[in-house]
PDB file of all heavy atoms in Angstrom:
ATOM      1  N   SER A   1      13.458 -15.043  29.844  1.00  0.00           N
ATOM      2  CA  SER A   1      13.242 -13.715  29.102  1.00  0.00           C
ATOM      3  C   SER A   1      12.523 -12.743  30.063  1.00  0.00           C
ATOM      4  O   SER A   1      12.909 -11.571  30.145  1.00  0.00           O
ATOM      5  CB  SER A   1      12.343 -13.920  27.876  1.00  0.00           C
ATOM      6  OG  SER A   1      12.228 -12.695  27.151  1.00  0.00           O
ATOM      7  N   SER A   2      11.558 -13.206  30.834  1.00  0.00           N
ATOM      8  CA  SER A   2      10.805 -12.285  31.747  1.00  0.00           C
ATOM      9  C   SER A   2      11.746 -11.911  32.860  1.00  0.00           C
ATOM     10  O   SER A   2      11.787 -10.614  33.236  1.00  0.00           O
ATOM     11  CB  SER A   2       9.604 -13.095  32.291  1.00  0.00           C
ATOM     12  OG  SER A   2       9.004 -12.328  33.382  1.00  0.00           O
ATOM     13  N   LEU A   3      12.429 -12.764  33.432  1.00  0.00           N
ATOM     14  CA  LEU A   3      13.228 -12.413  34.587  1.00  0.00           C
ATOM     15  C   LEU A   3      14.428 -11.476  34.068  1.00  0.00           C
ATOM     16  O   LEU A   3      14.806 -10.643  34.877  1.00  0.00           O
ATOM     17  CB  LEU A   3      13.793 -13.745  35.224  1.00  0.00           C
ATOM     18  CG  LEU A   3      12.635 -14.563  35.873  1.00  0.00           C
ATOM     19  CD1 LEU A   3      13.291 -15.978  36.279  1.00  0.00           C
ATOM     20  CD2 LEU A   3      12.118 -13.966  37.088  1.00  0.00           C
ATOM     21  N   HIS A   4      14.948 -11.758  33.021  1.00  0.00           N
ATOM     22  CA  HIS A   4      15.967 -10.943  32.564  1.00  0.00           C
ATOM     23  C   HIS A   4      15.572  -9.548  32.251  1.00  0.00           C
ATOM     24  O   HIS A   4      16.277  -8.622  32.580  1.00  0.00           O
ATOM     25  CB  HIS A   4      16.565 -11.536  31.175  1.00  0.00           C
ATOM     26  CG  HIS A   4      17.651 -10.706  30.533  1.00  0.00           C
ATOM     27  ND1 HIS A   4      17.333  -9.769  29.571  1.00  0.00           N
ATOM     28  CD2 HIS A   4      18.973 -10.675  30.729  1.00  0.00           C
ATOM     29  CE1 HIS A   4      18.536  -9.241  29.175  1.00  0.00           C
ATOM     30  NE2 HIS A   4      19.493  -9.770  29.864  1.00  0.00           N
ATOM     31  N   ASN A   5      14.324  -9.376  31.705  1.00  0.00           N
ATOM     32  CA  ASN A   5      13.804  -8.088  31.508  1.00  0.00           C
ATOM     33  C   ASN A   5      13.570  -7.289  32.766  1.00  0.00           C
ATOM     34  O   ASN A   5      13.597  -6.061  32.894  1.00  0.00           O
ATOM     35  CB  ASN A   5      12.495  -8.179  30.774  1.00  0.00           C
ATOM     36  CG  ASN A   5      12.696  -8.476  29.314  1.00  0.00           C
ATOM     37  OD1 ASN A   5      13.789  -8.411  28.755  1.00  0.00           O
ATOM     38  ND2 ASN A   5      11.605  -8.916  28.593  1.00  0.00           N
ATOM     39  N   GLU A   6      13.377  -8.052  33.875  1.00  0.00           N
ATOM     40  CA  GLU A   6      13.197  -7.401  35.225  1.00  0.00           C
ATOM     41  C   GLU A   6      14.423  -7.144  35.892  1.00  0.00           C
ATOM     42  O   GLU A   6      14.465  -6.546  36.962  1.00  0.00           O
ATOM     43  CB  GLU A   6      12.304  -8.382  36.070  1.00  0.00           C
ATOM     44  CG  GLU A   6      10.848  -8.540  35.638  1.00  0.00           C
ATOM     45  CD  GLU A   6      10.036  -9.516  36.402  1.00  0.00           C
ATOM     46  OE1 GLU A   6      10.665 -10.112  37.383  1.00  0.00           O
ATOM     47  OE2 GLU A   6       8.913  -9.672  36.101  1.00  0.00           O
ATOM     48  N   GLY A   7      15.583  -7.486  35.365  1.00  0.00           N
ATOM     49  CA  GLY A   7      16.862  -7.028  35.874  1.00  0.00           C
ATOM     50  C   GLY A   7      17.555  -8.047  36.879  1.00  0.00           C
ATOM     51  O   GLY A   7      18.461  -7.724  37.469  1.00  0.00           O
ATOM     52  N   HIS A   8      16.984  -9.347  36.943  1.00  0.00           N
ATOM     53  CA  HIS A   8      17.583 -10.293  37.848  1.00  0.00           C
ATOM     54  C   HIS A   8      18.896 -10.832  37.219  1.00  0.00           C
ATOM     55  O   HIS A   8      19.052 -10.765  36.015  1.00  0.00           O
ATOM     56  CB  HIS A   8      16.619 -11.443  38.096  1.00  0.00           C
ATOM     57  CG  HIS A   8      15.380 -11.029  38.764  1.00  0.00           C
ATOM     58  ND1 HIS A   8      15.307 -10.766  40.094  1.00  0.00           N
ATOM     59  CD2 HIS A   8      14.052 -10.966  38.327  1.00  0.00           C
ATOM     60  CE1 HIS A   8      14.107 -10.433  40.472  1.00  0.00           C
ATOM     61  NE2 HIS A   8      13.310 -10.596  39.377  1.00  0.00           N
ATOM     62  N   GLU A   9      19.836 -11.222  38.138  1.00  0.00           N
ATOM     63  CA  GLU A   9      21.039 -11.874  37.685  1.00  0.00           C
ATOM     64  C   GLU A   9      20.840 -13.307  37.448  1.00  0.00           C
ATOM     65  O   GLU A   9      20.485 -14.034  38.375  1.00  0.00           O
ATOM     66  CB  GLU A   9      22.141 -11.636  38.755  1.00  0.00           C
ATOM     67  CG  GLU A   9      22.534 -10.161  38.941  1.00  0.00           C
ATOM     68  CD  GLU A   9      23.662 -10.041  39.961  1.00  0.00           C
ATOM     69  OE1 GLU A   9      24.719 -10.714  39.798  1.00  0.00           O
ATOM     70  OE2 GLU A   9      23.413  -9.333  40.936  1.00  0.00           O
ATOM     71  N   LEU A  10      20.942 -13.775  36.225  1.00  0.00           N
ATOM     72  CA  LEU A  10      20.591 -15.088  35.890  1.00  0.00           C
ATOM     73  C   LEU A  10      21.766 -15.977  35.456  1.00  0.00           C
ATOM     74  O   LEU A  10      22.712 -15.587  34.711  1.00  0.00           O
ATOM     75  CB  LEU A  10      19.626 -15.163  34.704  1.00  0.00           C
ATOM     76  CG  LEU A  10      18.281 -14.515  34.915  1.00  0.00           C
ATOM     77  CD1 LEU A  10      17.428 -14.289  33.674  1.00  0.00           C
ATOM     78  CD2 LEU A  10      17.440 -15.429  35.838  1.00  0.00           C
ATOM     79  N   THR A  11      21.753 -17.192  36.023  1.00  0.00           N
ATOM     80  CA  THR A  11      22.766 -18.224  35.495  1.00  0.00           C
ATOM     81  C   THR A  11      21.844 -19.455  35.063  1.00  0.00           C
ATOM     82  O   THR A  11      21.009 -19.983  35.784  1.00  0.00           O
ATOM     83  CB  THR A  11      23.680 -18.766  36.579  1.00  0.00           C
ATOM     84  OG1 THR A  11      24.492 -17.630  37.057  1.00  0.00           O
ATOM     85  CG2 THR A  11      24.582 -19.832  36.090  1.00  0.00           C
ATOM     86  N   CYS A  12      22.096 -19.860  33.785  1.00  0.00           N
ATOM     87  CA  CYS A  12      21.336 -20.938  33.223  1.00  0.00           C
ATOM     88  C   CYS A  12      22.186 -22.181  33.129  1.00  0.00           C
ATOM     89  O   CYS A  12      23.234 -22.132  32.603  1.00  0.00           O
ATOM     90  CB  CYS A  12      20.766 -20.601  31.759  1.00  0.00           C
ATOM     91  SG  CYS A  12      19.547 -19.338  31.841  1.00  0.00           S
ATOM     92  N   VAL A  13      21.630 -23.214  33.703  1.00  0.00           N
ATOM     93  CA  VAL A  13      22.228 -24.572  33.589  1.00  0.00           C
ATOM     94  C   VAL A  13      21.818 -25.281  32.364  1.00  0.00           C
ATOM     95  O   VAL A  13      20.594 -25.433  32.069  1.00  0.00           O
ATOM     96  CB  VAL A  13      21.917 -25.413  34.804  1.00  0.00           C
ATOM     97  CG1 VAL A  13      22.561 -26.788  34.707  1.00  0.00           C
ATOM     98  CG2 VAL A  13      22.469 -24.831  36.060  1.00  0.00           C
ATOM     99  N   VAL A  14      22.718 -25.743  31.444  1.00  0.00           N
ATOM    100  CA  VAL A  14      22.330 -26.234  30.082  1.00  0.00           C
ATOM    101  C   VAL A  14      23.036 -27.477  29.878  1.00  0.00           C
ATOM    102  O   VAL A  14      24.099 -27.736  30.353  1.00  0.00           O
ATOM    103  CB  VAL A  14      22.660 -25.251  28.951  1.00  0.00           C
ATOM    104  CG1 VAL A  14      21.860 -23.897  29.192  1.00  0.00           C
ATOM    105  CG2 VAL A  14      24.059 -24.925  28.850  1.00  0.00           C
ATOM    106  N   ARG A  15      22.415 -28.296  29.008  1.00  0.00           N
ATOM    107  CA  ARG A  15      23.139 -29.589  28.480  1.00  0.00           C
ATOM    108  C   ARG A  15      24.118 -29.062  27.386  1.00  0.00           C
ATOM    109  O   ARG A  15      23.946 -28.166  26.741  1.00  0.00           O
ATOM    110  CB  ARG A  15      22.104 -30.505  27.931  1.00  0.00           C
ATOM    111  CG  ARG A  15      21.107 -30.999  28.778  1.00  0.00           C
ATOM    112  CD  ARG A  15      20.195 -32.091  28.068  1.00  0.00           C
ATOM    113  NE  ARG A  15      19.170 -32.633  28.988  1.00  0.00           N
ATOM    114  CZ  ARG A  15      17.870 -32.109  29.069  1.00  0.00           C
ATOM    115  NH1 ARG A  15      17.556 -31.055  28.295  1.00  0.00           N
ATOM    116  NH2 ARG A  15      17.088 -32.692  29.856  1.00  0.00           N
ATOM    117  N   PRO A  16      25.156 -29.947  27.218  1.00  0.00           N
ATOM    118  CA  PRO A  16      26.215 -29.478  26.235  1.00  0.00           C
ATOM    119  C   PRO A  16      25.627 -29.416  24.779  1.00  0.00           C
ATOM    120  O   PRO A  16      26.110 -28.580  23.958  1.00  0.00           O
ATOM    121  CB  PRO A  16      27.185 -30.698  26.230  1.00  0.00           C
ATOM    122  CG  PRO A  16      26.979 -31.202  27.644  1.00  0.00           C
ATOM    123  CD  PRO A  16      25.620 -31.085  27.995  1.00  0.00           C
ATOM    124  N   ASN A  17      24.519 -30.191  24.489  1.00  0.00           N
ATOM    125  CA  ASN A  17      24.025 -30.050  23.173  1.00  0.00           C
ATOM    126  C   ASN A  17      22.693 -29.228  23.032  1.00  0.00           C
ATOM    127  O   ASN A  17      22.005 -29.322  22.118  1.00  0.00           O
ATOM    128  CB  ASN A  17      23.673 -31.477  22.729  1.00  0.00           C
ATOM    129  CG  ASN A  17      22.675 -32.308  23.585  1.00  0.00           C
ATOM    130  OD1 ASN A  17      22.342 -31.783  24.704  1.00  0.00           O
ATOM    131  ND2 ASN A  17      22.140 -33.447  23.131  1.00  0.00           N
ATOM    132  N   SER A  18      22.424 -28.507  24.065  1.00  0.00           N
ATOM    133  CA  SER A  18      21.283 -27.597  24.118  1.00  0.00           C
ATOM    134  C   SER A  18      21.353 -26.482  23.086  1.00  0.00           C
ATOM    135  O   SER A  18      22.501 -25.932  22.884  1.00  0.00           O
ATOM    136  CB  SER A  18      21.013 -26.985  25.455  1.00  0.00           C
ATOM    137  OG  SER A  18      20.697 -27.930  26.400  1.00  0.00           O
ATOM    138  N   ARG A  19      20.249 -26.145  22.453  1.00  0.00           N
ATOM    139  CA  ARG A  19      20.222 -25.056  21.481  1.00  0.00           C
ATOM    140  C   ARG A  19      20.033 -23.801  22.393  1.00  0.00           C
ATOM    141  O   ARG A  19      18.977 -23.559  23.076  1.00  0.00           O
ATOM    142  CB  ARG A  19      19.116 -25.137  20.527  1.00  0.00           C
ATOM    143  CG  ARG A  19      19.305 -26.365  19.533  1.00  0.00           C
ATOM    144  CD  ARG A  19      18.147 -26.415  18.532  1.00  0.00           C
ATOM    145  NE  ARG A  19      16.987 -26.840  19.219  1.00  0.00           N
ATOM    146  CZ  ARG A  19      15.752 -27.020  18.673  1.00  0.00           C
ATOM    147  NH1 ARG A  19      15.565 -26.659  17.444  1.00  0.00           N
ATOM    148  NH2 ARG A  19      14.709 -27.365  19.420  1.00  0.00           N
ATOM    149  N   ARG A  20      20.996 -22.923  22.508  1.00  0.00           N
ATOM    150  CA  ARG A  20      20.987 -21.756  23.320  1.00  0.00           C
ATOM    151  C   ARG A  20      21.305 -20.455  22.670  1.00  0.00           C
ATOM    152  O   ARG A  20      21.736 -19.524  23.326  1.00  0.00           O
ATOM    153  CB  ARG A  20      21.857 -21.995  24.544  1.00  0.00           C
ATOM    154  CG  ARG A  20      23.236 -22.344  24.196  1.00  0.00           C
ATOM    155  CD  ARG A  20      24.031 -22.553  25.526  1.00  0.00           C
ATOM    156  NE  ARG A  20      25.466 -22.590  25.283  1.00  0.00           N
ATOM    157  CZ  ARG A  20      26.229 -23.737  25.115  1.00  0.00           C
ATOM    158  NH1 ARG A  20      25.543 -24.857  25.109  1.00  0.00           N
ATOM    159  NH2 ARG A  20      27.574 -23.693  24.946  1.00  0.00           N
ATOM    160  N   SER A  21      20.943 -20.352  21.312  1.00  0.00           N
ATOM    161  CA  SER A  21      21.225 -19.145  20.616  1.00  0.00           C
ATOM    162  C   SER A  21      20.516 -17.984  21.266  1.00  0.00           C
ATOM    163  O   SER A  21      21.012 -16.763  21.231  1.00  0.00           O
ATOM    164  CB  SER A  21      20.954 -19.386  19.157  1.00  0.00           C
ATOM    165  OG  SER A  21      19.573 -19.732  19.020  1.00  0.00           O
ATOM    166  N   TYR A  22      19.264 -18.244  21.728  1.00  0.00           N
ATOM    167  CA  TYR A  22      18.500 -17.092  22.219  1.00  0.00           C
ATOM    168  C   TYR A  22      19.119 -16.539  23.511  1.00  0.00           C
ATOM    169  O   TYR A  22      19.074 -15.401  23.895  1.00  0.00           O
ATOM    170  CB  TYR A  22      17.006 -17.475  22.402  1.00  0.00           C
ATOM    171  CG  TYR A  22      16.646 -17.891  23.787  1.00  0.00           C
ATOM    172  CD1 TYR A  22      16.021 -16.843  24.634  1.00  0.00           C
ATOM    173  CD2 TYR A  22      16.834 -19.075  24.234  1.00  0.00           C
ATOM    174  CE1 TYR A  22      15.770 -17.118  25.876  1.00  0.00           C
ATOM    175  CE2 TYR A  22      16.527 -19.468  25.597  1.00  0.00           C
ATOM    176  CZ  TYR A  22      15.988 -18.431  26.391  1.00  0.00           C
ATOM    177  OH  TYR A  22      15.609 -18.786  27.605  1.00  0.00           O
ATOM    178  N   LEU A  23      19.703 -17.491  24.345  1.00  0.00           N
ATOM    179  CA  LEU A  23      20.390 -17.084  25.588  1.00  0.00           C
ATOM    180  C   LEU A  23      21.614 -16.267  25.320  1.00  0.00           C
ATOM    181  O   LEU A  23      21.879 -15.364  26.069  1.00  0.00           O
ATOM    182  CB  LEU A  23      20.866 -18.391  26.317  1.00  0.00           C
ATOM    183  CG  LEU A  23      19.677 -19.233  27.105  1.00  0.00           C
ATOM    184  CD1 LEU A  23      20.512 -20.303  27.785  1.00  0.00           C
ATOM    185  CD2 LEU A  23      19.006 -18.375  28.103  1.00  0.00           C
ATOM    186  N   ASP A  24      22.235 -16.513  24.106  1.00  0.00           N
ATOM    187  CA  ASP A  24      23.395 -15.779  23.762  1.00  0.00           C
ATOM    188  C   ASP A  24      23.038 -14.302  23.340  1.00  0.00           C
ATOM    189  O   ASP A  24      23.918 -13.414  23.511  1.00  0.00           O
ATOM    190  CB  ASP A  24      24.197 -16.390  22.590  1.00  0.00           C
ATOM    191  CG  ASP A  24      24.815 -17.752  22.975  1.00  0.00           C
ATOM    192  OD1 ASP A  24      25.049 -18.006  24.120  1.00  0.00           O
ATOM    193  OD2 ASP A  24      24.926 -18.571  22.057  1.00  0.00           O
ATOM    194  N   ARG A  25      21.835 -14.104  23.074  1.00  0.00           N
ATOM    195  CA  ARG A  25      21.379 -12.727  22.683  1.00  0.00           C
ATOM    196  C   ARG A  25      21.080 -11.890  24.004  1.00  0.00           C
ATOM    197  O   ARG A  25      20.960 -10.610  23.846  1.00  0.00           O
ATOM    198  CB  ARG A  25      20.113 -12.796  21.845  1.00  0.00           C
ATOM    199  CG  ARG A  25      20.333 -13.456  20.528  1.00  0.00           C
ATOM    200  CD  ARG A  25      19.202 -13.106  19.572  1.00  0.00           C
ATOM    201  NE  ARG A  25      17.954 -13.641  20.027  1.00  0.00           N
ATOM    202  CZ  ARG A  25      17.420 -14.775  19.666  1.00  0.00           C
ATOM    203  NH1 ARG A  25      18.090 -15.688  18.885  1.00  0.00           N
ATOM    204  NH2 ARG A  25      16.209 -15.185  20.093  1.00  0.00           N
TER     205      ARG A  25
END
């Protein structure tokens, strides 16, 4: 959240069963 607000380009590595609803926002 912090890095996104600062404008960095982010790629998140996630497990298939991870809850990632907040990433989708």
